[in-house]
Protein backbone atom coordinates (compact mmCIF):
# COMPACT_ATOMS: atom_id res chain seq x y z
CA MET A 1 173.29 139.05 95.83
CA LEU A 2 174.02 139.94 99.46
CA ALA A 3 171.84 142.74 100.74
CA THR A 4 170.55 144.10 104.05
CA LEU A 5 172.35 143.50 107.33
CA GLU A 6 170.33 142.15 110.22
CA ALA A 7 170.99 141.15 113.80
CA CYS A 8 172.65 137.75 114.03
CA PRO A 9 169.84 135.20 114.50
CA VAL A 10 172.14 132.27 115.20
CA GLY A 11 173.63 131.01 118.42
CA LEU A 12 175.84 128.12 117.35
CA PRO A 13 176.02 124.96 119.41
CA GLY A 14 179.71 124.05 119.83
CA SER A 15 179.40 120.83 117.84
CA VAL A 16 178.39 122.78 114.73
CA LEU A 17 181.74 124.56 114.41
CA GLY A 18 183.86 121.45 114.55
CA GLN A 19 186.13 120.08 117.23
CA GLY A 20 188.81 122.42 118.56
CA ARG A 21 187.61 125.37 116.48
CA SER A 22 186.57 128.70 117.97
CA ILE A 23 185.00 131.84 116.50
CA VAL A 24 187.19 134.92 116.14
CA GLU A 25 184.68 137.09 114.24
CA THR A 26 180.95 137.01 113.55
CA GLN A 27 179.66 139.09 110.69
CA PRO A 28 176.07 140.39 110.85
CA ALA A 29 173.54 138.20 109.08
CA ARG A 30 172.78 139.25 105.53
CA ARG A 31 169.54 138.63 103.73
CA TYR A 32 170.49 136.69 100.62
CA ARG A 33 168.13 136.64 97.65
CA LEU A 34 168.48 134.05 94.91
CA SER A 35 166.54 134.51 91.72
CA ASP A 36 166.95 131.87 89.06
CA ARG A 37 164.61 130.81 86.26
CA ARG A 38 164.88 127.22 87.54
CA LEU A 39 163.25 128.24 90.88
CA SER A 40 159.73 128.65 89.45
CA MET A 41 158.17 132.10 89.60
CA ARG A 42 159.51 133.25 92.98
CA ALA A 43 162.96 134.07 94.25
CA MET A 44 164.03 132.53 97.54
CA GLU A 45 165.51 134.36 100.50
CA CYS A 46 167.48 133.22 103.51
CA LEU A 47 169.83 134.74 106.06
CA VAL A 48 173.56 134.10 105.70
CA THR A 49 175.69 134.54 108.81
CA ALA A 50 179.48 134.27 108.47
CA PHE A 51 181.66 133.00 111.30
CA ARG A 52 185.43 133.33 110.86
CA CYS A 53 187.30 130.76 112.92
CA ASP A 54 190.71 130.75 114.57
CA ASP A 55 192.07 128.28 112.00
CA GLY A 56 191.14 130.53 109.06
CA ALA A 57 188.02 128.62 108.10
CA LEU A 58 184.77 130.36 107.22
CA VAL A 59 181.53 128.80 108.49
CA LEU A 60 178.47 130.09 106.63
CA VAL A 61 175.13 129.43 108.29
CA LEU A 62 172.17 129.61 105.91
CA THR A 63 169.06 130.22 108.03
CA GLU A 64 165.55 129.64 106.72
CA THR A 65 163.22 132.56 107.45
CA SER A 66 159.48 132.66 108.02
CA ASP A 67 159.09 135.37 105.36
CA ASN A 68 160.91 133.49 102.58
CA PRO A 69 158.70 134.10 99.51
CA GLY A 70 160.07 131.16 97.53
CA PRO A 71 161.45 127.65 97.85
CA SER A 72 163.14 126.57 101.08
CA ILE A 73 166.90 126.23 101.42
CA THR A 74 166.43 122.46 101.22
CA ASN A 75 164.49 122.69 97.96
CA CYS A 76 166.96 124.92 96.11
CA VAL A 77 170.27 123.99 97.72
CA GLU A 78 171.76 122.81 94.39
CA LEU A 79 171.44 126.38 93.06
CA LEU A 80 172.01 128.25 96.32
CA LEU A 81 175.41 126.82 97.33
CA PRO A 82 177.23 127.65 94.07
CA ALA A 83 175.68 131.17 94.08
CA VAL A 84 176.81 131.92 97.64
CA PHE A 85 180.23 130.40 96.92
CA ARG A 86 180.69 132.63 93.83
CA ASP A 87 180.00 135.67 96.04
CA LEU A 88 182.86 134.52 98.32
CA ALA A 89 185.34 133.68 95.58
CA GLU A 90 188.36 134.70 97.68
CA TYR A 91 187.90 131.53 99.77
CA GLN A 92 189.06 128.10 98.68
CA PRO A 93 186.39 125.38 98.96
CA GLU A 94 188.38 123.49 101.60
CA ARG A 95 188.29 126.58 103.89
CA ILE A 96 184.47 126.91 103.84
CA ARG A 97 181.72 125.00 105.65
CA PHE A 98 178.06 125.53 104.78
CA ILE A 99 175.47 124.87 107.48
CA GLU A 100 171.71 124.72 106.88
CA HIS A 101 169.80 126.08 109.89
CA TYR A 102 166.10 125.79 110.67
CA ARG A 103 164.87 127.57 113.79
CA ASP A 104 162.07 126.24 116.01
CA ASP A 105 159.57 128.62 114.42
CA VAL A 106 160.43 127.80 110.79
CA SER A 107 160.28 124.26 109.51
CA TYR A 108 159.12 122.60 106.33
CA ARG A 109 159.46 119.23 108.00
CA SER A 110 156.76 117.50 110.01
CA GLN A 111 155.19 119.53 112.77
CA GLY A 112 156.99 119.30 116.07
CA THR A 113 160.45 119.54 114.52
CA ARG A 114 162.87 121.50 116.66
CA GLU A 115 165.79 123.69 115.70
CA THR A 116 168.31 121.89 113.48
CA PHE A 117 171.79 122.42 112.03
CA ASP A 118 172.92 120.24 109.10
CA GLU A 119 176.18 120.50 107.20
CA LEU A 120 175.72 120.95 103.46
CA LEU A 121 178.33 118.74 101.82
CA PHE A 122 179.82 119.81 98.51
CA ALA A 123 182.64 119.11 96.10
CA PRO A 124 184.73 121.48 93.97
CA ASP A 125 183.52 121.84 90.38
CA GLU A 126 185.26 123.66 87.53
CA SER A 127 182.15 125.17 85.98
CA ALA A 128 180.02 125.98 89.06
CA GLY A 129 182.80 126.41 91.64
CA ILE A 130 181.15 123.82 93.89
CA VAL A 131 178.34 121.27 93.60
CA PHE A 132 176.06 120.05 96.37
CA ARG A 133 176.58 116.41 97.47
CA GLY A 134 174.28 115.88 100.47
CA TRP A 135 173.48 116.62 104.11
CA GLN A 136 175.18 115.62 107.34
CA PRO A 137 173.13 116.11 110.54
CA LEU A 138 175.12 118.08 113.12
CA TRP A 139 172.74 119.09 115.89
CA ARG A 140 169.07 118.73 116.86
CA LYS A 141 167.44 120.62 119.70
CA ALA A 142 166.25 118.19 122.36
């Protein structure tokens, strides 16, 4: 479920978009809430910012927030990606890129971790729409 609009929290490093691609539209970040019985007792929340590119692709940046009441993006990505994809059913899987974003101030990794962007790799799936396949590091703040 996509809900409240917020100011865009993401400034994308050029390497995150992909070579030769430029942004033609940025939609305001939306707080996305995922509630699923497989997530334990709490729903998770993250910000989803959509970037439409000049080649027709849609880059969705999923940003972890400090006030997320439930599991992190990393810990529920197998449920989160198909849910977000279903909400954007007008897009074909090959036209979408999902990026996991952790800001400097929010990290579930070891202390001292800086801002990161990782591509969330997926494959089309008949029943779920898409299934998560892994991570590809894109950018780390120096």
